[in-house]
Amino acid sequence: MRIIGIDTGLKTTGYAIIETNKILKCGICETTEKMSLAERLKVLYDKMKAVMQEYSPEIAVYETVFYKQNFGTFSKLSHARGVLLLAAADMGIKIKEYSPAEIKMAVTGNGRASKDQIHSMVERLTGVKILPSLDVGDALACALCYRMREENSRIFFSRIK
């Protein structure tokens, strides 16, 4: 099964596509603050839809959004998440969402794991050094969460050189 994990961000959205035990593609979609909100959302939608068209994932996995302290940031992130969900829906891709705690629990065994712990475990599971892109690491964690929870799969990845 081909899965795309998406780490939503207005400035930087990370994505990772996995199939069986291979990482097919990882990357980021970026926008700049010089662009209007509408322009940024269009860039995210167009770039992500192009990736989805090229790789044809069957499942798109997203982290749910939660409100912290800054409503403005939450609102912009929600806009970005909306267009990224729409990109998958337009392609007829099944959408699955997990809370941050669910993703942390699936990947590390600890629902309160730190970003460093998540990224360390993702690197161990995949054999791929994902840093310095935290966004790609979070996207891989989303995809791995689906594999572990829904497919009840043990994760073994071929070493990618």
N, C-alpha and C. Protein backbone atom coordinates (compact mmCIF):
# COMPACT_ATOMS: atom_id res chain seq x y z
N MET A 1 0.85 -1.18 0.00
CA MET A 1 0.00 0.00 0.00
C MET A 1 0.89 1.24 0.00
N ARG A 2 0.53 2.20 -0.79
CA ARG A 2 1.28 3.45 -0.88
C ARG A 2 0.61 4.50 0.00
N ILE A 3 1.41 5.09 0.90
CA ILE A 3 0.90 6.03 1.90
C ILE A 3 1.69 7.33 1.80
N ILE A 4 0.98 8.46 1.88
CA ILE A 4 1.64 9.75 1.98
C ILE A 4 1.34 10.33 3.37
N GLY A 5 2.39 10.67 4.08
CA GLY A 5 2.25 11.37 5.34
C GLY A 5 2.50 12.84 5.09
N ILE A 6 1.68 13.69 5.70
CA ILE A 6 1.78 15.13 5.46
C ILE A 6 1.86 15.87 6.78
N ASP A 7 2.93 16.67 6.92
CA ASP A 7 3.11 17.54 8.08
C ASP A 7 2.74 18.95 7.63
N THR A 8 1.56 19.38 8.01
CA THR A 8 1.01 20.64 7.54
C THR A 8 1.70 21.86 8.14
N GLY A 9 2.01 22.80 7.26
CA GLY A 9 2.54 24.09 7.68
C GLY A 9 2.26 25.10 6.59
N LEU A 10 2.06 26.35 6.96
CA LEU A 10 1.81 27.37 5.94
C LEU A 10 3.12 27.77 5.27
N LYS A 11 4.19 27.88 6.04
CA LYS A 11 5.49 28.23 5.48
C LYS A 11 6.15 27.00 4.85
N THR A 12 6.14 25.90 5.58
CA THR A 12 6.77 24.66 5.10
C THR A 12 5.88 23.48 5.43
N THR A 13 5.52 22.73 4.41
CA THR A 13 4.77 21.49 4.57
C THR A 13 5.68 20.35 4.17
N GLY A 14 5.85 19.40 5.08
CA GLY A 14 6.66 18.23 4.76
C GLY A 14 5.78 17.10 4.28
N TYR A 15 6.34 16.27 3.41
CA TYR A 15 5.61 15.09 2.96
C TYR A 15 6.57 13.93 2.78
N ALA A 16 6.04 12.73 2.93
CA ALA A 16 6.82 11.51 2.75
C ALA A 16 5.90 10.43 2.21
N ILE A 17 6.34 9.78 1.16
CA ILE A 17 5.56 8.71 0.55
C ILE A 17 6.30 7.41 0.78
N ILE A 18 5.59 6.45 1.38
CA ILE A 18 6.17 5.13 1.63
C ILE A 18 5.31 4.07 0.97
N GLU A 19 5.96 2.98 0.62
CA GLU A 19 5.26 1.82 0.08
C GLU A 19 5.98 0.58 0.59
N THR A 20 5.24 -0.29 1.18
CA THR A 20 5.81 -1.48 1.80
C THR A 20 6.94 -1.05 2.71
N ASN A 21 8.16 -1.39 2.38
CA ASN A 21 9.29 -1.03 3.23
C ASN A 21 10.27 -0.10 2.53
N LYS A 22 9.76 0.77 1.70
CA LYS A 22 10.60 1.72 0.98
C LYS A 22 10.04 3.13 1.10
N ILE A 23 10.94 4.06 1.21
CA ILE A 23 10.56 5.47 1.12
C ILE A 23 10.70 5.84 -0.35
N LEU A 24 9.59 6.21 -0.97
CA LEU A 24 9.61 6.54 -2.39
C LEU A 24 10.02 7.99 -2.64
N LYS A 25 9.56 8.87 -1.77
CA LYS A 25 9.83 10.29 -1.98
C LYS A 25 9.60 11.03 -0.68
N CYS A 26 10.47 11.96 -0.38
CA CYS A 26 10.31 12.87 0.75
C CYS A 26 10.63 14.27 0.25
N GLY A 27 9.97 15.24 0.84
CA GLY A 27 10.28 16.60 0.44
C GLY A 27 9.45 17.60 1.21
N ILE A 28 9.60 18.85 0.78
CA ILE A 28 8.85 19.94 1.40
C ILE A 28 8.24 20.82 0.32
N CYS A 29 7.14 21.45 0.67
CA CYS A 29 6.50 22.50 -0.14
C CYS A 29 6.67 23.78 0.67
N GLU A 30 7.22 24.80 0.07
CA GLU A 30 7.48 26.04 0.80
C GLU A 30 6.74 27.22 0.18
N THR A 31 6.37 28.16 1.05
CA THR A 31 5.82 29.45 0.62
C THR A 31 6.59 30.53 1.36
N THR A 32 6.40 31.77 0.93
CA THR A 32 7.09 32.88 1.60
C THR A 32 6.06 33.83 2.20
N GLU A 33 6.51 34.56 3.20
CA GLU A 33 5.63 35.52 3.86
C GLU A 33 5.30 36.71 2.96
N LYS A 34 6.03 36.88 1.88
CA LYS A 34 5.76 37.97 0.94
C LYS A 34 4.49 37.71 0.13
N MET A 35 4.09 36.45 0.08
CA MET A 35 2.89 36.07 -0.67
C MET A 35 1.65 36.33 0.17
N SER A 36 0.54 36.60 -0.52
CA SER A 36 -0.73 36.72 0.21
C SER A 36 -1.14 35.34 0.70
N LEU A 37 -2.07 35.30 1.64
CA LEU A 37 -2.55 34.02 2.16
C LEU A 37 -3.12 33.18 1.02
N ALA A 38 -3.89 33.79 0.14
CA ALA A 38 -4.49 33.05 -0.97
C ALA A 38 -3.41 32.46 -1.89
N GLU A 39 -2.37 33.22 -2.16
CA GLU A 39 -1.28 32.73 -3.00
C GLU A 39 -0.56 31.56 -2.34
N ARG A 40 -0.34 31.67 -1.04
CA ARG A 40 0.35 30.60 -0.31
C ARG A 40 -0.48 29.32 -0.32
N LEU A 41 -1.77 29.46 -0.12
CA LEU A 41 -2.64 28.28 -0.11
C LEU A 41 -2.68 27.62 -1.48
N LYS A 42 -2.70 28.43 -2.53
CA LYS A 42 -2.70 27.89 -3.90
C LYS A 42 -1.41 27.13 -4.18
N VAL A 43 -0.28 27.68 -3.75
CA VAL A 43 1.01 27.00 -3.95
C VAL A 43 1.00 25.65 -3.24
N LEU A 44 0.55 25.62 -1.98
CA LEU A 44 0.50 24.36 -1.24
C LEU A 44 -0.40 23.34 -1.94
N TYR A 45 -1.58 23.79 -2.34
CA TYR A 45 -2.52 22.90 -3.01
C TYR A 45 -1.93 22.35 -4.30
N ASP A 46 -1.41 23.24 -5.14
CA ASP A 46 -0.88 22.82 -6.44
C ASP A 46 0.32 21.88 -6.30
N LYS A 47 1.25 22.20 -5.41
CA LYS A 47 2.44 21.36 -5.24
C LYS A 47 2.07 19.99 -4.68
N MET A 48 1.20 19.98 -3.67
CA MET A 48 0.85 18.70 -3.08
C MET A 48 0.02 17.85 -4.03
N LYS A 49 -0.86 18.48 -4.77
CA LYS A 49 -1.65 17.71 -5.73
C LYS A 49 -0.75 17.12 -6.81
N ALA A 50 0.27 17.87 -7.24
CA ALA A 50 1.22 17.35 -8.24
C ALA A 50 1.97 16.14 -7.70
N VAL A 51 2.39 16.19 -6.44
CA VAL A 51 3.08 15.05 -5.82
C VAL A 51 2.14 13.86 -5.76
N MET A 52 0.90 14.10 -5.37
CA MET A 52 -0.08 13.02 -5.27
C MET A 52 -0.38 12.42 -6.64
N GLN A 53 -0.44 13.25 -7.67
CA GLN A 53 -0.69 12.75 -9.02
C GLN A 53 0.48 11.89 -9.50
N GLU A 54 1.69 12.31 -9.18
CA GLU A 54 2.87 11.57 -9.61
C GLU A 54 3.01 10.22 -8.92
N TYR A 55 2.70 10.16 -7.62
CA TYR A 55 2.94 8.94 -6.84
C TYR A 55 1.69 8.13 -6.52
N SER A 56 0.53 8.66 -6.75
CA SER A 56 -0.75 7.95 -6.56
C SER A 56 -0.87 7.19 -5.24
N PRO A 57 -0.75 7.89 -4.11
CA PRO A 57 -0.93 7.19 -2.83
C PRO A 57 -2.39 6.76 -2.66
N GLU A 58 -2.57 5.70 -1.90
CA GLU A 58 -3.92 5.23 -1.61
C GLU A 58 -4.47 5.85 -0.33
N ILE A 59 -3.56 6.25 0.57
CA ILE A 59 -3.93 6.83 1.85
C ILE A 59 -3.12 8.11 2.07
N ALA A 60 -3.79 9.14 2.56
CA ALA A 60 -3.11 10.38 2.98
C ALA A 60 -3.31 10.52 4.48
N VAL A 61 -2.21 10.67 5.21
CA VAL A 61 -2.26 10.71 6.67
C VAL A 61 -1.85 12.10 7.16
N TYR A 62 -2.70 12.67 8.00
CA TYR A 62 -2.50 14.02 8.53
C TYR A 62 -2.56 14.00 10.05
N GLU A 63 -1.81 14.90 10.65
CA GLU A 63 -1.91 15.12 12.09
C GLU A 63 -3.05 16.11 12.32
N THR A 64 -3.87 15.85 13.33
CA THR A 64 -4.94 16.80 13.66
C THR A 64 -4.34 18.08 14.22
N VAL A 65 -5.05 19.17 14.05
CA VAL A 65 -4.58 20.47 14.54
C VAL A 65 -5.12 20.68 15.94
N PHE A 66 -4.30 21.24 16.79
CA PHE A 66 -4.77 21.57 18.13
C PHE A 66 -4.39 23.01 18.44
N TYR A 67 -5.23 23.66 19.20
CA TYR A 67 -5.04 25.08 19.55
C TYR A 67 -4.11 25.20 20.74
N LYS A 68 -3.07 26.00 20.56
CA LYS A 68 -2.15 26.26 21.68
C LYS A 68 -2.45 27.64 22.24
N GLN A 69 -1.61 28.61 21.89
CA GLN A 69 -1.77 29.94 22.47
C GLN A 69 -2.07 31.03 21.45
N ASN A 70 -1.57 30.87 20.22
CA ASN A 70 -1.69 31.93 19.23
C ASN A 70 -2.81 31.60 18.24
N PHE A 71 -3.94 32.28 18.38
CA PHE A 71 -5.08 31.99 17.51
C PHE A 71 -4.77 32.32 16.06
N GLY A 72 -3.99 33.37 15.80
CA GLY A 72 -3.63 33.73 14.43
C GLY A 72 -2.87 32.63 13.73
N THR A 73 -1.92 32.03 14.43
CA THR A 73 -1.15 30.92 13.87
C THR A 73 -2.06 29.71 13.66
N PHE A 74 -2.90 29.43 14.62
CA PHE A 74 -3.85 28.31 14.52
C PHE A 74 -4.76 28.49 13.30
N SER A 75 -5.25 29.71 13.09
CA SER A 75 -6.15 29.99 11.98
C SER A 75 -5.45 29.77 10.64
N LYS A 76 -4.23 30.29 10.49
CA LYS A 76 -3.49 30.12 9.23
C LYS A 76 -3.15 28.66 8.99
N LEU A 77 -2.76 27.94 10.03
CA LEU A 77 -2.46 26.53 9.90
C LEU A 77 -3.71 25.76 9.48
N SER A 78 -4.85 26.14 10.00
CA SER A 78 -6.11 25.48 9.63
C SER A 78 -6.44 25.71 8.16
N HIS A 79 -6.17 26.91 7.66
CA HIS A 79 -6.36 27.17 6.24
C HIS A 79 -5.48 26.24 5.40
N ALA A 80 -4.20 26.17 5.77
CA ALA A 80 -3.26 25.33 5.03
C ALA A 80 -3.70 23.87 5.07
N ARG A 81 -4.09 23.42 6.23
CA ARG A 81 -4.52 22.03 6.39
C ARG A 81 -5.75 21.75 5.52
N GLY A 82 -6.65 22.73 5.45
CA GLY A 82 -7.85 22.57 4.63
C GLY A 82 -7.53 22.34 3.16
N VAL A 83 -6.62 23.12 2.59
CA VAL A 83 -6.31 22.94 1.17
C VAL A 83 -5.52 21.64 0.94
N LEU A 84 -4.73 21.23 1.93
CA LEU A 84 -4.00 19.98 1.79
C LEU A 84 -4.94 18.77 1.89
N LEU A 85 -5.96 18.87 2.72
CA LEU A 85 -6.99 17.83 2.77
C LEU A 85 -7.78 17.80 1.45
N LEU A 86 -8.06 18.98 0.92
CA LEU A 86 -8.79 19.08 -0.35
C LEU A 86 -8.01 18.44 -1.49
N ALA A 87 -6.69 18.63 -1.50
CA ALA A 87 -5.87 18.02 -2.56
C ALA A 87 -6.06 16.51 -2.58
N ALA A 88 -6.04 15.88 -1.42
CA ALA A 88 -6.24 14.43 -1.34
C ALA A 88 -7.68 14.06 -1.73
N ALA A 89 -8.64 14.82 -1.22
CA ALA A 89 -10.04 14.53 -1.53
C ALA A 89 -10.32 14.65 -3.03
N ASP A 90 -9.73 15.65 -3.67
CA ASP A 90 -9.89 15.82 -5.12
C ASP A 90 -9.37 14.63 -5.91
N MET A 91 -8.36 13.96 -5.36
CA MET A 91 -7.76 12.82 -6.04
C MET A 91 -8.45 11.51 -5.66
N GLY A 92 -9.42 11.57 -4.76
CA GLY A 92 -10.11 10.36 -4.33
C GLY A 92 -9.27 9.51 -3.40
N ILE A 93 -8.32 10.13 -2.72
CA ILE A 93 -7.43 9.42 -1.81
C ILE A 93 -8.10 9.35 -0.44
N LYS A 94 -8.06 8.17 0.17
CA LYS A 94 -8.62 7.99 1.51
C LYS A 94 -7.79 8.82 2.49
N ILE A 95 -8.47 9.50 3.41
CA ILE A 95 -7.81 10.37 4.38
C ILE A 95 -7.92 9.77 5.77
N LYS A 96 -6.81 9.77 6.47
CA LYS A 96 -6.77 9.30 7.86
C LYS A 96 -6.09 10.37 8.69
N GLU A 97 -6.65 10.65 9.88
CA GLU A 97 -6.10 11.67 10.76
C GLU A 97 -5.81 11.07 12.13
N TYR A 98 -4.70 11.51 12.72
CA TYR A 98 -4.31 11.08 14.06
C TYR A 98 -3.94 12.31 14.87
N SER A 99 -4.17 12.22 16.17
CA SER A 99 -3.74 13.29 17.07
C SER A 99 -2.22 13.20 17.23
N PRO A 100 -1.59 14.30 17.65
CA PRO A 100 -0.15 14.25 17.90
C PRO A 100 0.23 13.13 18.88
N ALA A 101 -0.58 12.95 19.92
CA ALA A 101 -0.28 11.90 20.91
C ALA A 101 -0.36 10.50 20.30
N GLU A 102 -1.32 10.28 19.40
CA GLU A 102 -1.44 8.97 18.74
C GLU A 102 -0.21 8.68 17.88
N ILE A 103 0.25 9.69 17.17
CA ILE A 103 1.44 9.51 16.32
C ILE A 103 2.66 9.23 17.18
N LYS A 104 2.83 10.01 18.23
CA LYS A 104 3.97 9.81 19.13
C LYS A 104 3.93 8.41 19.74
N MET A 105 2.77 7.97 20.18
CA MET A 105 2.62 6.66 20.80
C MET A 105 2.97 5.54 19.80
N ALA A 106 2.46 5.65 18.57
CA ALA A 106 2.71 4.62 17.57
C ALA A 106 4.19 4.52 17.21
N VAL A 107 4.85 5.66 17.09
CA VAL A 107 6.24 5.68 16.63
C VAL A 107 7.24 5.42 17.75
N THR A 108 6.98 5.97 18.93
CA THR A 108 7.97 5.87 20.02
C THR A 108 7.51 5.02 21.19
N GLY A 109 6.21 4.77 21.30
CA GLY A 109 5.69 4.07 22.47
C GLY A 109 5.38 5.01 23.63
N ASN A 110 5.54 6.32 23.38
CA ASN A 110 5.29 7.33 24.41
C ASN A 110 4.48 8.46 23.79
N GLY A 111 3.26 8.65 24.24
CA GLY A 111 2.37 9.68 23.71
C GLY A 111 2.81 11.10 24.02
N ARG A 112 3.82 11.24 24.87
CA ARG A 112 4.34 12.57 25.20
C ARG A 112 5.80 12.74 24.76
N ALA A 113 6.21 11.97 23.79
CA ALA A 113 7.59 12.01 23.31
C ALA A 113 7.93 13.39 22.75
N SER A 114 9.18 13.77 22.88
CA SER A 114 9.65 15.04 22.33
C SER A 114 9.89 14.89 20.82
N LYS A 115 10.04 16.03 20.15
CA LYS A 115 10.35 16.01 18.72
C LYS A 115 11.63 15.23 18.47
N ASP A 116 12.63 15.45 19.30
CA ASP A 116 13.91 14.74 19.14
C ASP A 116 13.73 13.23 19.25
N GLN A 117 12.90 12.79 20.20
CA GLN A 117 12.66 11.35 20.36
C GLN A 117 11.94 10.78 19.14
N ILE A 118 10.97 11.52 18.62
CA ILE A 118 10.23 11.07 17.44
C ILE A 118 11.19 10.93 16.26
N HIS A 119 11.98 11.95 16.03
CA HIS A 119 12.87 11.95 14.87
C HIS A 119 13.96 10.89 15.00
N SER A 120 14.43 10.67 16.20
CA SER A 120 15.41 9.61 16.43
C SER A 120 14.82 8.25 16.10
N MET A 121 13.59 8.02 16.52
CA MET A 121 12.95 6.73 16.25
C MET A 121 12.62 6.57 14.77
N VAL A 122 12.19 7.63 14.11
CA VAL A 122 11.91 7.56 12.67
C VAL A 122 13.20 7.22 11.93
N GLU A 123 14.29 7.83 12.33
CA GLU A 123 15.58 7.52 11.70
C GLU A 123 15.96 6.05 11.93
N ARG A 124 15.73 5.55 13.13
CA ARG A 124 16.04 4.14 13.41
C ARG A 124 15.16 3.20 12.61
N LEU A 125 13.87 3.50 12.53
CA LEU A 125 12.94 2.63 11.81
C LEU A 125 13.20 2.60 10.31
N THR A 126 13.57 3.74 9.75
CA THR A 126 13.75 3.82 8.30
C THR A 126 15.19 3.64 7.85
N GLY A 127 16.13 3.85 8.76
CA GLY A 127 17.54 3.79 8.38
C GLY A 127 17.99 5.00 7.59
N VAL A 128 17.17 6.04 7.57
CA VAL A 128 17.48 7.24 6.80
C VAL A 128 17.64 8.42 7.74
N LYS A 129 18.70 9.16 7.57
CA LYS A 129 18.92 10.37 8.36
C LYS A 129 18.01 11.44 7.79
N ILE A 130 17.02 11.88 8.56
CA ILE A 130 16.02 12.83 8.05
C ILE A 130 16.30 14.27 8.41
N LEU A 131 17.12 14.48 9.43
CA LEU A 131 17.42 15.84 9.81
C LEU A 131 18.36 16.44 8.79
N PRO A 132 18.34 17.70 8.48
CA PRO A 132 17.79 18.78 9.28
C PRO A 132 16.32 19.10 9.03
N SER A 133 15.61 18.37 8.18
CA SER A 133 14.22 18.71 7.91
C SER A 133 13.28 18.05 8.91
N LEU A 134 12.88 18.81 9.91
CA LEU A 134 11.93 18.31 10.89
C LEU A 134 10.57 18.04 10.26
N ASP A 135 10.24 18.81 9.23
CA ASP A 135 8.94 18.65 8.56
C ASP A 135 8.85 17.30 7.86
N VAL A 136 9.92 16.87 7.23
CA VAL A 136 9.94 15.56 6.59
C VAL A 136 9.87 14.46 7.65
N GLY A 137 10.58 14.65 8.74
CA GLY A 137 10.53 13.68 9.84
C GLY A 137 9.13 13.52 10.39
N ASP A 138 8.43 14.64 10.56
CA ASP A 138 7.05 14.57 11.06
C ASP A 138 6.13 13.90 10.04
N ALA A 139 6.35 14.16 8.76
CA ALA A 139 5.55 13.52 7.72
C ALA A 139 5.78 12.01 7.71
N LEU A 140 7.03 11.60 7.84
CA LEU A 140 7.33 10.17 7.93
C LEU A 140 6.67 9.55 9.15
N ALA A 141 6.68 10.26 10.26
CA ALA A 141 6.03 9.75 11.47
C ALA A 141 4.54 9.53 11.23
N CYS A 142 3.89 10.43 10.51
CA CYS A 142 2.46 10.26 10.18
C CYS A 142 2.25 8.98 9.37
N ALA A 143 3.06 8.80 8.32
CA ALA A 143 2.92 7.61 7.47
C ALA A 143 3.21 6.33 8.26
N LEU A 144 4.25 6.36 9.09
CA LEU A 144 4.59 5.19 9.89
C LEU A 144 3.50 4.86 10.90
N CYS A 145 2.88 5.89 11.45
CA CYS A 145 1.77 5.69 12.39
C CYS A 145 0.66 4.88 11.72
N TYR A 146 0.32 5.24 10.50
CA TYR A 146 -0.72 4.50 9.78
C TYR A 146 -0.30 3.04 9.61
N ARG A 147 0.93 2.83 9.15
CA ARG A 147 1.42 1.46 8.93
C ARG A 147 1.34 0.64 10.21
N MET A 148 1.75 1.25 11.31
CA MET A 148 1.80 0.51 12.57
C MET A 148 0.42 0.26 13.15
N ARG A 149 -0.46 1.23 13.05
CA ARG A 149 -1.78 1.12 13.69
C ARG A 149 -2.79 0.40 12.81
N GLU A 150 -2.85 0.76 11.55
CA GLU A 150 -3.91 0.24 10.68
C GLU A 150 -3.52 -1.05 9.97
N GLU A 151 -2.27 -1.17 9.63
CA GLU A 151 -1.83 -2.38 8.93
C GLU A 151 -1.20 -3.38 9.89
N ASN A 152 -1.05 -2.95 11.15
CA ASN A 152 -0.39 -3.80 12.15
C ASN A 152 0.93 -4.34 11.63
N SER A 153 1.67 -3.47 10.95
CA SER A 153 2.92 -3.88 10.32
C SER A 153 4.11 -3.63 11.23
N ARG A 154 5.05 -4.53 11.14
CA ARG A 154 6.36 -4.26 11.70
C ARG A 154 7.09 -3.49 10.62
N ILE A 155 7.81 -2.49 11.02
CA ILE A 155 8.45 -1.62 10.05
C ILE A 155 9.91 -2.03 9.85
N PHE A 156 10.22 -2.44 8.63
CA PHE A 156 11.59 -2.74 8.24
C PHE A 156 11.83 -2.04 6.91
N PHE A 157 12.74 -1.14 6.88
CA PHE A 157 13.02 -0.41 5.66
C PHE A 157 14.36 -0.83 5.09
N SER A 158 14.42 -0.88 3.77
CA SER A 158 15.69 -1.09 3.11
C SER A 158 16.53 0.15 3.31
N ARG A 159 17.79 -0.01 3.47
CA ARG A 159 18.69 1.13 3.59
C ARG A 159 18.73 1.85 2.26
N ILE A 160 18.46 3.14 2.28
CA ILE A 160 18.51 3.94 1.06
C ILE A 160 19.83 4.67 1.05
N LYS A 161 20.54 4.55 -0.03
CA LYS A 161 21.87 5.16 -0.11
C LYS A 161 21.80 6.48 -0.80
